[in-house]
Amino acid sequence: MTAVITWILVAISAILCLLIVLQAKGNGLSLAPGSGDFGKFEKRGPEKILHIITTVFVIGFVVCATLLFFLAA
């Protein structure tokens, strides 16, 4: 059982890495002083879909890692 969860965790990790790399550049500190990007507070279109998919995979990663932690103990 733990081997299956480990493989699922590896797959989610690889997909999550790709999703994070696909995120638009410059979103990290877009509200930092001097950035000139004040007022961009919501994501729209494909950016929003990519953000939601990334969030779902992060939740899946945390669930799988927690499950693996308790099953391996």
PDB file of N, CA and C in Angstrom:
ATOM      1  N   MET A   1       0.818  -1.205   0.000  1.00  0.00           N
ATOM      2  CA  MET A   1       0.000   0.000   0.000  1.00  0.00           C
ATOM      3  C   MET A   1       0.858   1.264   0.000  1.00  0.00           C
ATOM      4  N   THR A   2       1.927   1.232   0.807  1.00  0.00           N
ATOM      5  CA  THR A   2       2.784   2.414   0.857  1.00  0.00           C
ATOM      6  C   THR A   2       3.532   2.626  -0.458  1.00  0.00           C
ATOM      7  N   ALA A   3       3.805   1.535  -1.179  1.00  0.00           N
ATOM      8  CA  ALA A   3       4.489   1.676  -2.465  1.00  0.00           C
ATOM      9  C   ALA A   3       3.601   2.392  -3.476  1.00  0.00           C
ATOM     10  N   VAL A   4       2.322   2.090  -3.461  1.00  0.00           N
ATOM     11  CA  VAL A   4       1.382   2.750  -4.375  1.00  0.00           C
ATOM     12  C   VAL A   4       1.268   4.238  -4.043  1.00  0.00           C
ATOM     13  N   ILE A   5       1.154   4.548  -2.769  1.00  0.00           N
ATOM     14  CA  ILE A   5       1.054   5.949  -2.350  1.00  0.00           C
ATOM     15  C   ILE A   5       2.347   6.695  -2.667  1.00  0.00           C
ATOM     16  N   THR A   6       3.473   6.008  -2.532  1.00  0.00           N
ATOM     17  CA  THR A   6       4.755   6.638  -2.871  1.00  0.00           C
ATOM     18  C   THR A   6       4.809   6.993  -4.354  1.00  0.00           C
ATOM     19  N   TRP A   7       4.369   6.083  -5.221  1.00  0.00           N
ATOM     20  CA  TRP A   7       4.364   6.365  -6.663  1.00  0.00           C
ATOM     21  C   TRP A   7       3.387   7.486  -7.011  1.00  0.00           C
ATOM     22  N   ILE A   8       2.245   7.507  -6.340  1.00  0.00           N
ATOM     23  CA  ILE A   8       1.290   8.603  -6.561  1.00  0.00           C
ATOM     24  C   ILE A   8       1.909   9.926  -6.129  1.00  0.00           C
ATOM     25  N   LEU A   9       2.620   9.912  -5.014  1.00  0.00           N
ATOM     26  CA  LEU A   9       3.283  11.121  -4.514  1.00  0.00           C
ATOM     27  C   LEU A   9       4.366  11.603  -5.475  1.00  0.00           C
ATOM     28  N   VAL A  10       5.102  10.684  -6.054  1.00  0.00           N
ATOM     29  CA  VAL A  10       6.136  11.046  -7.037  1.00  0.00           C
ATOM     30  C   VAL A  10       5.496  11.662  -8.278  1.00  0.00           C
ATOM     31  N   ALA A  11       4.396  11.064  -8.745  1.00  0.00           N
ATOM     32  CA  ALA A  11       3.706  11.586  -9.929  1.00  0.00           C
ATOM     33  C   ALA A  11       3.138  12.984  -9.660  1.00  0.00           C
ATOM     34  N   ILE A  12       2.510  13.154  -8.504  1.00  0.00           N
ATOM     35  CA  ILE A  12       1.962  14.469  -8.151  1.00  0.00           C
ATOM     36  C   ILE A  12       3.085  15.492  -8.044  1.00  0.00           C
ATOM     37  N   SER A  13       4.225  15.091  -7.486  1.00  0.00           N
ATOM     38  CA  SER A  13       5.365  16.005  -7.362  1.00  0.00           C
ATOM     39  C   SER A  13       5.857  16.474  -8.724  1.00  0.00           C
ATOM     40  N   ALA A  14       5.964  15.555  -9.668  1.00  0.00           N
ATOM     41  CA  ALA A  14       6.442  15.915 -11.012  1.00  0.00           C
ATOM     42  C   ALA A  14       5.449  16.855 -11.697  1.00  0.00           C
ATOM     43  N   ILE A  15       4.168  16.538 -11.596  1.00  0.00           N
ATOM     44  CA  ILE A  15       3.146  17.396 -12.204  1.00  0.00           C
ATOM     45  C   ILE A  15       3.133  18.758 -11.547  1.00  0.00           C
ATOM     46  N   LEU A  16       3.285  18.778 -10.229  1.00  0.00           N
ATOM     47  CA  LEU A  16       3.292  20.044  -9.492  1.00  0.00           C
ATOM     48  C   LEU A  16       4.483  20.915  -9.887  1.00  0.00           C
ATOM     49  N   CYS A  17       5.622  20.303 -10.109  1.00  0.00           N
ATOM     50  CA  CYS A  17       6.797  21.061 -10.574  1.00  0.00           C
ATOM     51  C   CYS A  17       6.524  21.706 -11.921  1.00  0.00           C
ATOM     52  N   LEU A  18       5.928  20.964 -12.821  1.00  0.00           N
ATOM     53  CA  LEU A  18       5.601  21.517 -14.139  1.00  0.00           C
ATOM     54  C   LEU A  18       4.583  22.649 -14.038  1.00  0.00           C
ATOM     55  N   LEU A  19       3.578  22.476 -13.185  1.00  0.00           N
ATOM     56  CA  LEU A  19       2.562  23.521 -13.031  1.00  0.00           C
ATOM     57  C   LEU A  19       3.154  24.797 -12.450  1.00  0.00           C
ATOM     58  N   ILE A  20       4.067  24.667 -11.512  1.00  0.00           N
ATOM     59  CA  ILE A  20       4.688  25.847 -10.909  1.00  0.00           C
ATOM     60  C   ILE A  20       5.565  26.561 -11.926  1.00  0.00           C
ATOM     61  N   VAL A  21       6.264  25.800 -12.756  1.00  0.00           N
ATOM     62  CA  VAL A  21       7.107  26.418 -13.790  1.00  0.00           C
ATOM     63  C   VAL A  21       6.241  27.155 -14.821  1.00  0.00           C
ATOM     64  N   LEU A  22       5.048  26.638 -15.080  1.00  0.00           N
ATOM     65  CA  LEU A  22       4.155  27.267 -16.054  1.00  0.00           C
ATOM     66  C   LEU A  22       3.519  28.569 -15.560  1.00  0.00           C
ATOM     67  N   GLN A  23       3.565  28.808 -14.257  1.00  0.00           N
ATOM     68  CA  GLN A  23       2.962  30.026 -13.715  1.00  0.00           C
ATOM     69  C   GLN A  23       3.637  31.249 -14.341  1.00  0.00           C
ATOM     70  N   ALA A  24       2.863  32.300 -14.497  1.00  0.00           N
ATOM     71  CA  ALA A  24       3.376  33.523 -15.117  1.00  0.00           C
ATOM     72  C   ALA A  24       4.480  34.141 -14.269  1.00  0.00           C
ATOM     73  N   LYS A  25       5.435  34.727 -14.942  1.00  0.00           N
ATOM     74  CA  LYS A  25       6.548  35.367 -14.242  1.00  0.00           C
ATOM     75  C   LYS A  25       6.082  36.682 -13.612  1.00  0.00           C
ATOM     76  N   GLY A  26       6.700  37.031 -12.491  1.00  0.00           N
ATOM     77  CA  GLY A  26       6.418  38.323 -11.877  1.00  0.00           C
ATOM     78  C   GLY A  26       5.193  38.352 -10.985  1.00  0.00           C
ATOM     79  N   ASN A  27       4.614  37.209 -10.671  1.00  0.00           N
ATOM     80  CA  ASN A  27       3.443  37.204  -9.809  1.00  0.00           C
ATOM     81  C   ASN A  27       3.804  37.224  -8.335  1.00  0.00           C
ATOM     82  N   GLY A  28       5.034  36.855  -8.003  1.00  0.00           N
ATOM     83  CA  GLY A  28       5.417  36.716  -6.609  1.00  0.00           C
ATOM     84  C   GLY A  28       5.335  38.001  -5.818  1.00  0.00           C
ATOM     85  N   LEU A  29       5.941  39.059  -6.311  1.00  0.00           N
ATOM     86  CA  LEU A  29       5.965  40.322  -5.578  1.00  0.00           C
ATOM     87  C   LEU A  29       5.312  41.420  -6.407  1.00  0.00           C
ATOM     88  N   SER A  30       4.181  41.110  -7.019  1.00  0.00           N
ATOM     89  CA  SER A  30       3.558  42.079  -7.917  1.00  0.00           C
ATOM     90  C   SER A  30       3.020  43.296  -7.186  1.00  0.00           C
ATOM     91  N   LEU A  31       2.818  43.199  -5.889  1.00  0.00           N
ATOM     92  CA  LEU A  31       2.320  44.345  -5.128  1.00  0.00           C
ATOM     93  C   LEU A  31       3.434  45.009  -4.325  1.00  0.00           C
ATOM     94  N   ALA A  32       4.669  44.686  -4.626  1.00  0.00           N
ATOM     95  CA  ALA A  32       5.790  45.296  -3.933  1.00  0.00           C
ATOM     96  C   ALA A  32       5.903  46.755  -4.340  1.00  0.00           C
ATOM     97  N   PRO A  33       6.359  47.608  -3.435  1.00  0.00           N
ATOM     98  CA  PRO A  33       6.517  49.024  -3.781  1.00  0.00           C
ATOM     99  C   PRO A  33       7.447  49.202  -4.980  1.00  0.00           C
ATOM    100  N   GLY A  34       7.029  50.025  -5.900  1.00  0.00           N
ATOM    101  CA  GLY A  34       7.831  50.305  -7.076  1.00  0.00           C
ATOM    102  C   GLY A  34       7.595  49.350  -8.227  1.00  0.00           C
ATOM    103  N   SER A  35       6.692  48.403  -8.053  1.00  0.00           N
ATOM    104  CA  SER A  35       6.483  47.440  -9.132  1.00  0.00           C
ATOM    105  C   SER A  35       5.564  48.001 -10.207  1.00  0.00           C
ATOM    106  N   GLY A  36       4.758  49.012  -9.878  1.00  0.00           N
ATOM    107  CA  GLY A  36       3.865  49.605 -10.864  1.00  0.00           C
ATOM    108  C   GLY A  36       2.704  48.707 -11.235  1.00  0.00           C
ATOM    109  N   ASP A  37       2.452  47.698 -10.427  1.00  0.00           N
ATOM    110  CA  ASP A  37       1.395  46.741 -10.750  1.00  0.00           C
ATOM    111  C   ASP A  37       0.287  46.762  -9.700  1.00  0.00           C
ATOM    112  N   PHE A  38       0.085  47.927  -9.069  1.00  0.00           N
ATOM    113  CA  PHE A  38      -0.960  48.029  -8.062  1.00  0.00           C
ATOM    114  C   PHE A  38      -2.319  47.945  -8.740  1.00  0.00           C
ATOM    115  N   GLY A  39      -3.214  47.178  -8.195  1.00  0.00           N
ATOM    116  CA  GLY A  39      -4.537  47.078  -8.779  1.00  0.00           C
ATOM    117  C   GLY A  39      -4.794  45.752  -9.462  1.00  0.00           C
ATOM    118  N   LYS A  40      -3.767  44.942  -9.619  1.00  0.00           N
ATOM    119  CA  LYS A  40      -3.970  43.617 -10.194  1.00  0.00           C
ATOM    120  C   LYS A  40      -4.192  42.655  -9.031  1.00  0.00           C
ATOM    121  N   PHE A  41      -5.440  42.436  -8.680  1.00  0.00           N
ATOM    122  CA  PHE A  41      -5.737  41.633  -7.508  1.00  0.00           C
ATOM    123  C   PHE A  41      -6.404  40.314  -7.834  1.00  0.00           C
ATOM    124  N   GLU A  42      -6.903  40.127  -9.036  1.00  0.00           N
ATOM    125  CA  GLU A  42      -7.582  38.871  -9.318  1.00  0.00           C
ATOM    126  C   GLU A  42      -7.071  38.267 -10.614  1.00  0.00           C
ATOM    127  N   LYS A  43      -7.055  36.950 -10.621  1.00  0.00           N
ATOM    128  CA  LYS A  43      -6.616  36.220 -11.804  1.00  0.00           C
ATOM    129  C   LYS A  43      -7.817  35.996 -12.711  1.00  0.00           C
ATOM    130  N   ARG A  44      -7.572  35.972 -14.014  1.00  0.00           N
ATOM    131  CA  ARG A  44      -8.651  35.766 -14.973  1.00  0.00           C
ATOM    132  C   ARG A  44      -8.205  34.814 -16.062  1.00  0.00           C
ATOM    133  N   GLY A  45      -9.165  34.132 -16.640  1.00  0.00           N
ATOM    134  CA  GLY A  45      -8.908  33.265 -17.784  1.00  0.00           C
ATOM    135  C   GLY A  45      -8.014  32.087 -17.472  1.00  0.00           C
ATOM    136  N   PRO A  46      -7.073  31.797 -18.371  1.00  0.00           N
ATOM    137  CA  PRO A  46      -6.195  30.633 -18.203  1.00  0.00           C
ATOM    138  C   PRO A  46      -5.334  30.722 -16.939  1.00  0.00           C
ATOM    139  N   GLU A  47      -4.979  31.933 -16.534  1.00  0.00           N
ATOM    140  CA  GLU A  47      -4.182  32.109 -15.324  1.00  0.00           C
ATOM    141  C   GLU A  47      -4.947  31.602 -14.100  1.00  0.00           C
ATOM    142  N   LYS A  48      -6.240  31.850 -14.062  1.00  0.00           N
ATOM    143  CA  LYS A  48      -7.073  31.408 -12.942  1.00  0.00           C
ATOM    144  C   LYS A  48      -7.220  29.884 -12.953  1.00  0.00           C
ATOM    145  N   ILE A  49      -7.412  29.304 -14.134  1.00  0.00           N
ATOM    146  CA  ILE A  49      -7.547  27.854 -14.255  1.00  0.00           C
ATOM    147  C   ILE A  49      -6.259  27.160 -13.818  1.00  0.00           C
ATOM    148  N   LEU A  50      -5.116  27.683 -14.243  1.00  0.00           N
ATOM    149  CA  LEU A  50      -3.826  27.112 -13.862  1.00  0.00           C
ATOM    150  C   LEU A  50      -3.613  27.214 -12.353  1.00  0.00           C
ATOM    151  N   HIS A  51      -4.046  28.323 -11.772  1.00  0.00           N
ATOM    152  CA  HIS A  51      -3.933  28.519 -10.325  1.00  0.00           C
ATOM    153  C   HIS A  51      -4.797  27.502  -9.570  1.00  0.00           C
ATOM    154  N   ILE A  52      -6.007  27.268 -10.044  1.00  0.00           N
ATOM    155  CA  ILE A  52      -6.909  26.315  -9.392  1.00  0.00           C
ATOM    156  C   ILE A  52      -6.357  24.895  -9.504  1.00  0.00           C
ATOM    157  N   ILE A  53      -5.848  24.533 -10.684  1.00  0.00           N
ATOM    158  CA  ILE A  53      -5.272  23.201 -10.870  1.00  0.00           C
ATOM    159  C   ILE A  53      -4.062  23.007  -9.960  1.00  0.00           C
ATOM    160  N   THR A  54      -3.223  24.038  -9.846  1.00  0.00           N
ATOM    161  CA  THR A  54      -2.062  23.965  -8.964  1.00  0.00           C
ATOM    162  C   THR A  54      -2.497  23.777  -7.519  1.00  0.00           C
ATOM    163  N   THR A  55      -3.529  24.497  -7.100  1.00  0.00           N
ATOM    164  CA  THR A  55      -4.032  24.372  -5.733  1.00  0.00           C
ATOM    165  C   THR A  55      -4.551  22.962  -5.470  1.00  0.00           C
ATOM    166  N   VAL A  56      -5.256  22.381  -6.421  1.00  0.00           N
ATOM    167  CA  VAL A  56      -5.776  21.018  -6.265  1.00  0.00           C
ATOM    168  C   VAL A  56      -4.620  20.018  -6.121  1.00  0.00           C
ATOM    169  N   PHE A  57      -3.574  20.184  -6.923  1.00  0.00           N
ATOM    170  CA  PHE A  57      -2.441  19.272  -6.830  1.00  0.00           C
ATOM    171  C   PHE A  57      -1.663  19.459  -5.527  1.00  0.00           C
ATOM    172  N   VAL A  58      -1.591  20.679  -5.022  1.00  0.00           N
ATOM    173  CA  VAL A  58      -0.931  20.911  -3.730  1.00  0.00           C
ATOM    174  C   VAL A  58      -1.709  20.212  -2.617  1.00  0.00           C
ATOM    175  N   ILE A  59      -3.028  20.313  -2.651  1.00  0.00           N
ATOM    176  CA  ILE A  59      -3.850  19.641  -1.650  1.00  0.00           C
ATOM    177  C   ILE A  59      -3.672  18.121  -1.757  1.00  0.00           C
ATOM    178  N   GLY A  60      -3.646  17.599  -2.982  1.00  0.00           N
ATOM    179  CA  GLY A  60      -3.407  16.170  -3.182  1.00  0.00           C
ATOM    180  C   GLY A  60      -2.048  15.731  -2.669  1.00  0.00           C
ATOM    181  N   PHE A  61      -1.033  16.573  -2.869  1.00  0.00           N
ATOM    182  CA  PHE A  61       0.305  16.267  -2.385  1.00  0.00           C
ATOM    183  C   PHE A  61       0.330  16.183  -0.863  1.00  0.00           C
ATOM    184  N   VAL A  62      -0.297  17.167  -0.216  1.00  0.00           N
ATOM    185  CA  VAL A  62      -0.320  17.193   1.253  1.00  0.00           C
ATOM    186  C   VAL A  62      -1.080  15.985   1.800  1.00  0.00           C
ATOM    187  N   VAL A  63      -2.195  15.640   1.183  1.00  0.00           N
ATOM    188  CA  VAL A  63      -2.984  14.487   1.630  1.00  0.00           C
ATOM    189  C   VAL A  63      -2.183  13.197   1.470  1.00  0.00           C
ATOM    190  N   CYS A  64      -1.546  13.015   0.323  1.00  0.00           N
ATOM    191  CA  CYS A  64      -0.752  11.801   0.089  1.00  0.00           C
ATOM    192  C   CYS A  64       0.444  11.721   1.037  1.00  0.00           C
ATOM    193  N   ALA A  65       1.121  12.843   1.257  1.00  0.00           N
ATOM    194  CA  ALA A  65       2.273  12.847   2.156  1.00  0.00           C
ATOM    195  C   ALA A  65       1.847  12.542   3.590  1.00  0.00           C
ATOM    196  N   THR A  66       0.727  13.095   4.021  1.00  0.00           N
ATOM    197  CA  THR A  66       0.231  12.828   5.369  1.00  0.00           C
ATOM    198  C   THR A  66      -0.190  11.372   5.513  1.00  0.00           C
ATOM    199  N   LEU A  67      -0.877  10.850   4.509  1.00  0.00           N
ATOM    200  CA  LEU A  67      -1.313   9.459   4.524  1.00  0.00           C
ATOM    201  C   LEU A  67      -0.105   8.517   4.551  1.00  0.00           C
ATOM    202  N   LEU A  68       0.904   8.819   3.761  1.00  0.00           N
ATOM    203  CA  LEU A  68       2.109   7.997   3.739  1.00  0.00           C
ATOM    204  C   LEU A  68       2.834   8.055   5.098  1.00  0.00           C
ATOM    205  N   PHE A  69       2.825   9.223   5.712  1.00  0.00           N
ATOM    206  CA  PHE A  69       3.458   9.379   7.014  1.00  0.00           C
ATOM    207  C   PHE A  69       2.807   8.478   8.061  1.00  0.00           C
ATOM    208  N   PHE A  70       1.482   8.465   8.077  1.00  0.00           N
ATOM    209  CA  PHE A  70       0.780   7.676   9.089  1.00  0.00           C
ATOM    210  C   PHE A  70       0.784   6.182   8.768  1.00  0.00           C
ATOM    211  N   LEU A  71       0.822   5.813   7.498  1.00  0.00           N
ATOM    212  CA  LEU A  71       0.868   4.394   7.153  1.00  0.00           C
ATOM    213  C   LEU A  71       2.260   3.797   7.357  1.00  0.00           C
ATOM    214  N   ALA A  72       3.286   4.601   7.216  1.00  0.00           N
ATOM    215  CA  ALA A  72       4.645   4.108   7.354  1.00  0.00           C
ATOM    216  C   ALA A  72       5.054   3.977   8.823  1.00  0.00           C
ATOM    217  N   ALA A  73       4.342   4.604   9.701  1.00  0.00           N
ATOM    218  CA  ALA A  73       4.702   4.586  11.122  1.00  0.00           C
ATOM    219  C   ALA A  73       4.367   3.285  11.794  1.00  0.00           C
TER     220      ALA A  73
END
